[in-house]
Amino acid sequence: MPEWVRWVLAALACYRLAQFITKDDGPWHIFRSIRLWAGVYDLDARGKPKLQTGVLFGCPYCLAVWIAPACVALALYPTWPGDLFIAWIGFAGLQDALQGPRH
């Protein structure tokens, strides 16, 4: 895979993973369970998550900061399984970005 394609797919994979974890239920509701564990839905009187983990797992922009290093590592040190992963999740990220706003 050309290097520039790997970087684009890694960026799209970072975007999709952040969206997946913060917005989608996922297979067998695994991402919803992670959000429940993190405290995303345990709100204070102002309607904000009580725990910092709740804030982190409820915000795709915040979570992407922590997902990005793994995606950068996959782009910097290419392997067959890493390329497969970023291609798979990267294409899902492209589809999500092209689909537009969620309802």
C-alpha atoms as a PDB file:
ATOM      1  CA  MET A   1       0.000   0.000   0.000  1.00  0.00           C
ATOM      2  CA  PRO A   2       1.405   3.452  -0.863  1.00  0.00           C
ATOM      3  CA  GLU A   3       2.483   5.461   2.161  1.00  0.00           C
ATOM      4  CA  TRP A   4       0.081   8.361   1.521  1.00  0.00           C
ATOM      5  CA  VAL A   5      -2.853   5.925   1.307  1.00  0.00           C
ATOM      6  CA  ARG A   6      -1.811   4.378   4.620  1.00  0.00           C
ATOM      7  CA  TRP A   7      -1.800   7.835   6.265  1.00  0.00           C
ATOM      8  CA  VAL A   8      -5.204   8.791   4.854  1.00  0.00           C
ATOM      9  CA  LEU A   9      -6.695   5.477   5.968  1.00  0.00           C
ATOM     10  CA  ALA A  10      -5.109   5.827   9.416  1.00  0.00           C
ATOM     11  CA  ALA A  11      -6.676   9.293   9.799  1.00  0.00           C
ATOM     12  CA  LEU A  12     -10.064   7.976   8.681  1.00  0.00           C
ATOM     13  CA  ALA A  13      -9.695   5.002  11.045  1.00  0.00           C
ATOM     14  CA  CYS A  14      -9.011   7.384  13.944  1.00  0.00           C
ATOM     15  CA  TYR A  15     -12.136   9.367  13.029  1.00  0.00           C
ATOM     16  CA  ARG A  16     -14.297   6.241  12.754  1.00  0.00           C
ATOM     17  CA  LEU A  17     -13.062   4.648  15.963  1.00  0.00           C
ATOM     18  CA  ALA A  18     -13.774   7.855  17.892  1.00  0.00           C
ATOM     19  CA  GLN A  19     -17.270   8.020  16.382  1.00  0.00           C
ATOM     20  CA  PHE A  20     -17.829   4.321  16.965  1.00  0.00           C
ATOM     21  CA  ILE A  21     -16.951   4.436  20.650  1.00  0.00           C
ATOM     22  CA  THR A  22     -18.706   7.729  21.479  1.00  0.00           C
ATOM     23  CA  LYS A  23     -21.818   7.514  19.298  1.00  0.00           C
ATOM     24  CA  ASP A  24     -22.626   3.935  18.246  1.00  0.00           C
ATOM     25  CA  ASP A  25     -23.756   0.919  20.248  1.00  0.00           C
ATOM     26  CA  GLY A  26     -21.550  -1.477  18.293  1.00  0.00           C
ATOM     27  CA  PRO A  27     -21.920  -5.212  17.964  1.00  0.00           C
ATOM     28  CA  TRP A  28     -23.489  -6.782  21.039  1.00  0.00           C
ATOM     29  CA  HIS A  29     -23.730  -3.218  22.506  1.00  0.00           C
ATOM     30  CA  ILE A  30     -20.049  -3.338  23.411  1.00  0.00           C
ATOM     31  CA  PHE A  31     -19.422   0.396  22.916  1.00  0.00           C
ATOM     32  CA  ARG A  32     -22.552   1.328  24.837  1.00  0.00           C
ATOM     33  CA  SER A  33     -21.306  -0.893  27.666  1.00  0.00           C
ATOM     34  CA  ILE A  34     -17.942   0.892  27.587  1.00  0.00           C
ATOM     35  CA  ARG A  35     -19.725   4.256  27.811  1.00  0.00           C
ATOM     36  CA  LEU A  36     -21.817   2.993  30.729  1.00  0.00           C
ATOM     37  CA  TRP A  37     -18.669   1.757  32.499  1.00  0.00           C
ATOM     38  CA  ALA A  38     -16.908   5.088  31.830  1.00  0.00           C
ATOM     39  CA  GLY A  39     -19.782   7.088  33.329  1.00  0.00           C
ATOM     40  CA  VAL A  40     -20.949   8.918  30.213  1.00  0.00           C
ATOM     41  CA  TYR A  41     -24.571   8.709  31.365  1.00  0.00           C
ATOM     42  CA  ASP A  42     -23.900   9.430  35.085  1.00  0.00           C
ATOM     43  CA  LEU A  43     -24.645  13.152  35.023  1.00  0.00           C
ATOM     44  CA  ASP A  44     -24.325  15.905  37.598  1.00  0.00           C
ATOM     45  CA  ALA A  45     -26.880  18.669  38.246  1.00  0.00           C
ATOM     46  CA  ARG A  46     -25.628  20.617  35.204  1.00  0.00           C
ATOM     47  CA  GLY A  47     -26.163  17.633  32.911  1.00  0.00           C
ATOM     48  CA  LYS A  48     -22.448  16.934  32.451  1.00  0.00           C
ATOM     49  CA  PRO A  49     -20.748  13.600  33.171  1.00  0.00           C
ATOM     50  CA  LYS A  50     -19.503  13.418  36.763  1.00  0.00           C
ATOM     51  CA  LEU A  51     -16.307  11.533  35.925  1.00  0.00           C
ATOM     52  CA  GLN A  52     -13.516  12.601  33.578  1.00  0.00           C
ATOM     53  CA  THR A  53     -13.725   9.191  31.907  1.00  0.00           C
ATOM     54  CA  GLY A  54     -17.367   9.996  31.167  1.00  0.00           C
ATOM     55  CA  VAL A  55     -16.326  13.246  29.515  1.00  0.00           C
ATOM     56  CA  LEU A  56     -13.598  11.457  27.531  1.00  0.00           C
ATOM     57  CA  PHE A  57     -15.784   8.606  26.267  1.00  0.00           C
ATOM     58  CA  GLY A  58     -18.644  10.961  25.455  1.00  0.00           C
ATOM     59  CA  CYS A  59     -16.640  13.334  23.249  1.00  0.00           C
ATOM     60  CA  PRO A  60     -15.338  12.102  19.877  1.00  0.00           C
ATOM     61  CA  TYR A  61     -12.884  15.002  19.647  1.00  0.00           C
ATOM     62  CA  CYS A  62     -11.392  14.234  23.079  1.00  0.00           C
ATOM     63  CA  LEU A  63     -11.207  10.501  22.472  1.00  0.00           C
ATOM     64  CA  ALA A  64      -9.593  10.939  19.042  1.00  0.00           C
ATOM     65  CA  VAL A  65      -6.593  12.590  20.736  1.00  0.00           C
ATOM     66  CA  TRP A  66      -5.953   9.302  22.563  1.00  0.00           C
ATOM     67  CA  ILE A  67      -6.765   7.037  19.605  1.00  0.00           C
ATOM     68  CA  ALA A  68      -4.516   8.976  17.213  1.00  0.00           C
ATOM     69  CA  PRO A  69      -1.172   7.671  18.582  1.00  0.00           C
ATOM     70  CA  ALA A  70      -2.189   4.077  17.856  1.00  0.00           C
ATOM     71  CA  CYS A  71      -3.246   5.030  14.324  1.00  0.00           C
ATOM     72  CA  VAL A  72       0.009   6.941  13.794  1.00  0.00           C
ATOM     73  CA  ALA A  73       1.974   3.898  14.988  1.00  0.00           C
ATOM     74  CA  LEU A  74       0.102   1.691  12.498  1.00  0.00           C
ATOM     75  CA  ALA A  75       0.997   4.144   9.711  1.00  0.00           C
ATOM     76  CA  LEU A  76       4.636   4.554  10.760  1.00  0.00           C
ATOM     77  CA  TYR A  77       5.341   0.853  11.282  1.00  0.00           C
ATOM     78  CA  PRO A  78       3.346  -0.967   8.609  1.00  0.00           C
ATOM     79  CA  THR A  79       2.507  -4.624   9.003  1.00  0.00           C
ATOM     80  CA  TRP A  80       0.055  -6.788   7.135  1.00  0.00           C
ATOM     81  CA  PRO A  81      -2.411  -7.000  10.064  1.00  0.00           C
ATOM     82  CA  GLY A  82      -2.036  -3.270  10.775  1.00  0.00           C
ATOM     83  CA  ASP A  83      -2.684  -2.392   7.132  1.00  0.00           C
ATOM     84  CA  LEU A  84      -5.719  -4.660   7.116  1.00  0.00           C
ATOM     85  CA  PHE A  85      -7.066  -2.987  10.268  1.00  0.00           C
ATOM     86  CA  ILE A  86      -6.606   0.601   9.071  1.00  0.00           C
ATOM     87  CA  ALA A  87      -8.024  -0.281   5.643  1.00  0.00           C
ATOM     88  CA  TRP A  88     -11.097  -1.912   7.209  1.00  0.00           C
ATOM     89  CA  ILE A  89     -11.803   0.822   9.753  1.00  0.00           C
ATOM     90  CA  GLY A  90     -10.563   3.571   7.407  1.00  0.00           C
ATOM     91  CA  PHE A  91     -13.070   2.636   4.700  1.00  0.00           C
ATOM     92  CA  ALA A  92     -15.781   2.601   7.366  1.00  0.00           C
ATOM     93  CA  GLY A  93     -14.617   6.088   8.366  1.00  0.00           C
ATOM     94  CA  LEU A  94     -14.816   7.272   4.772  1.00  0.00           C
ATOM     95  CA  GLN A  95     -18.342   5.897   4.455  1.00  0.00           C
ATOM     96  CA  ASP A  96     -19.335   7.622   7.701  1.00  0.00           C
ATOM     97  CA  ALA A  97     -17.846  10.931   6.575  1.00  0.00           C
ATOM     98  CA  LEU A  98     -19.545  10.735   3.165  1.00  0.00           C
ATOM     99  CA  GLN A  99     -22.900   9.844   4.694  1.00  0.00           C
ATOM    100  CA  GLY A 100     -23.140  13.217   6.381  1.00  0.00           C
ATOM    101  CA  PRO A 101     -24.830  14.255   9.615  1.00  0.00           C
ATOM    102  CA  ARG A 102     -26.527  11.655  11.752  1.00  0.00           C
ATOM    103  CA  HIS A 103     -30.202  11.838  12.508  1.00  0.00           C
END
